C-alpha cells in the first residue's frame, strides 16, 4: 500500500481572474505564498517519505515552501503537469466564447476524446496521470508520498478512486493548498479525506466549486 497526499498549488493570479492556466503559468498571489508556507508547517507534522512536484512554477514554488520546512528534496516530474488546454490557455471563458466560438462548443460538449487545438484530450490526460501516479506508487511501497500538482490531477485521482467517469460532474470542490488523501494497493485506488485545509483556517481558503472535468484548471 502506498499513501498519497495530493496537493493543489497555492492560489495564483489567474485563479483569481478565472483564467485557464493549463501548462502556462501564473505567479502565486500573496495569499498563495502564505498558503504554501502553511502547507510546510502542516506537513512538518506528517510522516512523509518523499516530496514530488510538477515542474510548472506555481507547483514547484509551492513545493519549495514545503521543502524549506520539512527538509525534503523535491523530485520534479513534468508528467504531473496540468492538462494542456491549447489555444484556450490564458483566456477567461468569455474570451473563449468570443475568440473561438466553434471550438468552445466542441469543448463544452465534454467528449473525452476531443482535444482543443494544441491541447490534450481528457482521455489522454487521464492515461498520463494514472500511469504517472501508479509508477510513483510502485517506487514507494508502504510509504507516504506528498505530490504538489494541479487541480485536474486531483480530479483524475478522485474519479479513479470513486469510479466516476470523465464527463460526470464532480461533487466536491478543488481547494488550493489542500491535502487530498489516497491509498493505492497496487491495483485499486481508495479515497480518503478530500480538501483538507485545516492548516489555512476559515479565512485562508481558496475554493473552486464543483464543476465538470472540462471546465476547471
Protein backbone atom coordinates (compact mmCIF):
# COMPACT_ATOMS: atom_id res chain seq x y z
CA UNK A 1 0.00 0.00 0.00
CA UNK A 2 1.23 3.49 -0.89
CA UNK A 3 -0.36 6.52 0.70
CA UNK A 4 -0.54 9.65 -1.43
CA UNK A 5 -1.12 13.19 -0.24
CA UNK A 6 -2.04 15.09 -3.40
CA UNK A 7 -1.75 18.86 -3.01
CA UNK A 8 -3.01 21.58 -5.29
CA UNK A 9 -0.63 24.54 -5.60
CA UNK A 10 -1.35 27.81 -3.80
CA UNK A 11 -3.68 30.43 -5.21
CA UNK A 12 -2.42 32.15 -8.39
CA UNK A 13 -3.26 35.42 -10.11
CA UNK A 14 -5.03 33.55 -12.89
CA UNK A 15 -7.05 31.57 -10.33
CA UNK A 16 -8.43 34.87 -9.06
CA UNK A 17 -9.11 36.05 -12.63
CA UNK A 18 -10.74 32.72 -13.60
CA UNK A 19 -8.34 32.23 -16.50
CA UNK A 20 -7.49 28.86 -17.99
CA UNK A 21 -3.98 28.07 -16.79
CA UNK A 22 -3.23 24.66 -18.24
CA UNK A 23 0.50 24.38 -18.86
CA UNK A 24 1.11 28.13 -18.98
CA UNK A 25 1.90 29.70 -15.68
CA UNK A 26 0.76 32.46 -13.40
CA UNK A 27 2.54 33.57 -10.21
CA UNK A 28 1.25 32.78 -6.76
CA UNK A 29 -0.64 35.64 -5.16
CA UNK A 30 0.42 36.90 -1.71
CA UNK A 31 -2.31 34.65 -0.33
CA UNK A 32 -0.94 31.76 -2.40
CA UNK A 33 2.54 32.28 -0.99
CA UNK A 34 1.12 32.32 2.53
CA UNK A 35 -0.87 29.14 1.78
CA UNK A 36 2.34 27.43 0.63
CA UNK A 37 4.08 28.40 3.87
CA UNK A 38 1.20 26.97 5.89
CA UNK A 39 1.45 23.72 3.92
CA UNK A 40 5.06 23.39 5.02
CA UNK A 41 4.13 23.81 8.67
CA UNK A 42 1.29 21.30 8.31
CA UNK A 43 3.39 18.66 6.55
CA UNK A 44 6.13 19.01 9.12
CA UNK A 45 3.67 17.18 11.37
CA UNK A 46 3.16 14.30 8.91
CA UNK A 47 5.44 11.33 8.26
CA UNK A 48 6.40 11.98 4.62
CA UNK A 49 8.94 9.79 2.86
CA UNK A 50 9.17 11.69 -0.45
CA UNK A 51 8.09 15.01 -1.97
CA UNK A 52 7.24 15.23 -5.67
CA UNK A 53 6.12 18.22 -7.72
CA UNK A 54 5.03 19.24 -11.17
CA UNK A 55 7.74 21.29 -12.85
CA UNK A 56 5.37 24.19 -13.57
CA UNK A 57 6.46 27.18 -11.45
CA UNK A 58 3.23 27.54 -9.47
CA UNK A 59 3.52 23.94 -8.24
CA UNK A 60 7.29 23.98 -7.76
CA UNK A 61 7.13 27.24 -5.79
CA UNK A 62 4.52 25.68 -3.51
CA UNK A 63 6.65 22.56 -3.08
CA UNK A 64 9.71 24.68 -2.28
CA UNK A 65 7.89 26.31 0.62
CA UNK A 66 7.13 22.81 1.94
CA UNK A 67 10.72 21.62 1.46
CA UNK A 68 12.05 24.70 3.25
CA UNK A 69 10.30 23.48 6.39
CA UNK A 70 10.42 19.67 6.08
CA UNK A 71 13.90 19.37 4.55
CA UNK A 72 12.81 17.03 1.76
CA UNK A 73 14.44 17.10 -1.66
CA UNK A 74 11.89 17.87 -4.39
CA UNK A 75 11.56 15.29 -7.14
CA UNK A 76 10.28 17.20 -10.19
CA UNK A 77 8.26 15.33 -12.79
CA UNK A 78 6.83 17.08 -15.85
CA UNK A 79 4.23 14.33 -16.21
CA UNK A 80 2.50 15.82 -13.14
CA UNK A 81 1.66 18.97 -15.10
CA UNK A 82 -1.87 20.24 -15.52
CA UNK A 83 -3.82 19.20 -18.60
CA UNK A 84 -2.80 21.15 -21.71
CA UNK A 85 -5.62 23.37 -22.96
CA UNK A 86 -4.01 24.56 -26.19
CA UNK A 87 -5.39 27.78 -27.65
CA UNK A 88 -7.56 28.38 -24.57
CA UNK A 89 -4.68 28.85 -22.15
CA UNK A 90 -4.56 32.31 -20.63
CA UNK A 91 -8.16 33.06 -21.58
CA UNK A 92 -11.25 33.70 -19.50
CA UNK A 93 -14.37 31.79 -20.51
CA UNK A 94 -15.76 34.96 -22.06
CA UNK A 95 -12.58 35.16 -24.16
CA UNK A 96 -13.03 31.57 -25.31
CA UNK A 97 -16.61 32.10 -26.40
CA UNK A 98 -15.76 35.31 -28.25
CA UNK A 99 -12.49 34.26 -29.86
CA UNK A 100 -13.11 30.57 -30.63
CA UNK A 101 -16.89 30.02 -30.55
CA UNK A 102 -16.91 26.77 -32.56
CA UNK A 103 -14.01 25.26 -30.63
CA UNK A 104 -15.68 26.28 -27.38
CA UNK A 105 -18.90 24.48 -28.33
CA UNK A 106 -16.94 21.30 -29.03
CA UNK A 107 -15.07 21.72 -25.77
CA UNK A 108 -18.31 22.29 -23.86
CA UNK A 109 -19.79 19.04 -25.26
CA UNK A 110 -17.37 17.12 -22.99
CA UNK A 111 -16.26 14.48 -25.47
CA UNK A 112 -13.45 12.67 -23.58
CA UNK A 113 -11.53 12.20 -26.83
CA UNK A 114 -11.75 15.80 -28.02
CA UNK A 115 -8.60 17.93 -27.71
CA UNK A 116 -8.70 21.70 -28.07
CA UNK A 117 -6.26 22.63 -30.89
CA UNK A 118 -2.76 22.44 -29.49
CA UNK A 119 -4.03 20.77 -26.33
CA UNK A 120 -4.70 17.41 -24.71
CA UNK A 121 -7.92 15.39 -24.59
CA UNK A 122 -9.42 14.35 -21.23
CA UNK A 123 -8.81 10.69 -22.13
CA UNK A 124 -5.14 11.26 -22.91
CA UNK A 125 -4.71 13.32 -19.73
CA UNK A 126 -6.39 10.59 -17.69
CA UNK A 127 -3.97 7.98 -19.06
CA UNK A 128 -0.95 10.22 -18.37
CA UNK A 129 -1.89 10.90 -14.76
CA UNK A 130 -2.91 7.34 -13.90
CA UNK A 131 0.32 5.93 -15.29
CA UNK A 132 2.47 8.53 -13.54
CA UNK A 133 0.86 8.14 -10.12
CA UNK A 134 0.96 4.35 -10.28
CA UNK A 135 4.63 4.43 -11.29
CA UNK A 136 5.39 6.67 -8.31
CA UNK A 137 3.35 4.37 -6.08
CA UNK A 138 5.31 1.32 -7.22
CA UNK A 139 8.50 3.21 -6.37
CA UNK A 140 7.33 3.84 -2.77
CA UNK A 141 5.61 0.74 -1.35
CA UNK A 142 4.48 1.09 2.28
CA UNK A 143 5.42 4.77 2.25
CA UNK A 144 3.66 8.15 2.23
CA UNK A 145 4.34 10.42 -0.74
CA UNK A 146 3.35 14.09 -0.97
CA UNK A 147 2.80 15.39 -4.50
CA UNK A 148 2.32 19.08 -5.29
CA UNK A 149 0.40 19.31 -8.51
CA UNK A 150 -2.72 20.80 -10.12
CA UNK A 151 -6.49 20.82 -9.77
CA UNK A 152 -7.32 18.42 -12.57
CA UNK A 153 -4.67 15.94 -11.43
CA UNK A 154 -6.60 15.78 -8.17
CA UNK A 155 -9.77 15.46 -10.23
CA UNK A 156 -8.42 12.38 -12.04
CA UNK A 157 -7.38 10.68 -8.79
CA UNK A 158 -10.81 11.36 -7.32
CA UNK A 159 -12.58 9.96 -10.38
CA UNK A 160 -10.46 6.82 -10.43
CA UNK A 161 -10.98 6.16 -6.71
CA UNK A 162 -14.72 6.88 -6.83
CA UNK A 163 -15.46 5.20 -10.19
CA UNK A 164 -16.65 8.50 -11.68
CA UNK A 165 -16.39 8.83 -15.45
CA UNK A 166 -14.67 11.72 -17.18
CA UNK A 167 -17.78 13.65 -18.18
CA UNK A 168 -19.74 13.43 -14.93
CA UNK A 169 -19.95 16.41 -12.61
CA UNK A 170 -17.52 16.11 -9.71
CA UNK A 171 -19.47 16.59 -6.45
CA UNK A 172 -16.58 18.07 -4.47
CA UNK A 173 -14.64 21.33 -4.92
CA UNK A 174 -10.99 21.92 -5.76
CA UNK A 175 -9.25 23.67 -2.88
CA UNK A 176 -5.93 25.45 -3.33
CA UNK A 177 -3.17 24.28 -0.95
CA UNK A 178 -5.34 21.48 0.40
CA UNK A 179 -4.33 17.92 1.32
CA UNK A 180 -6.19 15.17 -0.54
CA UNK A 181 -5.54 11.64 0.71
CA UNK A 182 -5.50 8.48 -1.39
CA UNK A 183 -4.22 4.92 -0.96
CA UNK A 184 -3.07 2.71 -3.83
CA UNK A 185 -2.71 -1.03 -3.18
CA UNK A 186 -1.07 -1.88 -6.49
CA UNK A 187 -4.40 -2.47 -8.20
CA UNK A 188 -7.05 -0.15 -6.82
CA UNK A 189 -7.30 3.45 -5.63
CA UNK A 190 -9.04 4.31 -2.38
CA UNK A 191 -10.05 7.87 -1.48
CA UNK A 192 -9.51 9.27 2.00
CA UNK A 193 -10.09 12.80 3.24
CA UNK A 194 -10.67 15.37 0.49
CA UNK A 195 -9.95 19.10 0.57
CA UNK A 196 -8.27 19.06 3.97
CA UNK A 197 -7.38 22.73 4.53
CA UNK A 198 -7.47 22.92 8.32
CA UNK A 199 -3.99 24.47 8.24
CA UNK A 200 -5.38 27.53 6.41
CA UNK A 201 -8.15 28.41 8.82
CA UNK A 202 -11.59 29.66 7.74
CA UNK A 203 -10.30 32.86 6.13
CA UNK A 204 -7.33 31.46 4.20
CA UNK A 205 -9.06 29.02 1.87
CA UNK A 206 -9.48 29.44 -1.88
CA UNK A 207 -12.21 27.13 -3.20
CA UNK A 208 -13.38 26.46 -6.73
CA UNK A 209 -16.82 24.95 -6.53
CA UNK A 210 -17.75 21.64 -8.16
CA UNK A 211 -17.84 21.66 -11.94
CA UNK A 212 -17.05 19.46 -14.86
CA UNK A 213 -13.69 17.96 -15.67
CA UNK A 214 -13.68 20.15 -18.76
CA UNK A 215 -14.09 23.49 -17.02
CA UNK A 216 -11.60 23.72 -14.16
CA UNK A 217 -7.85 24.15 -14.47
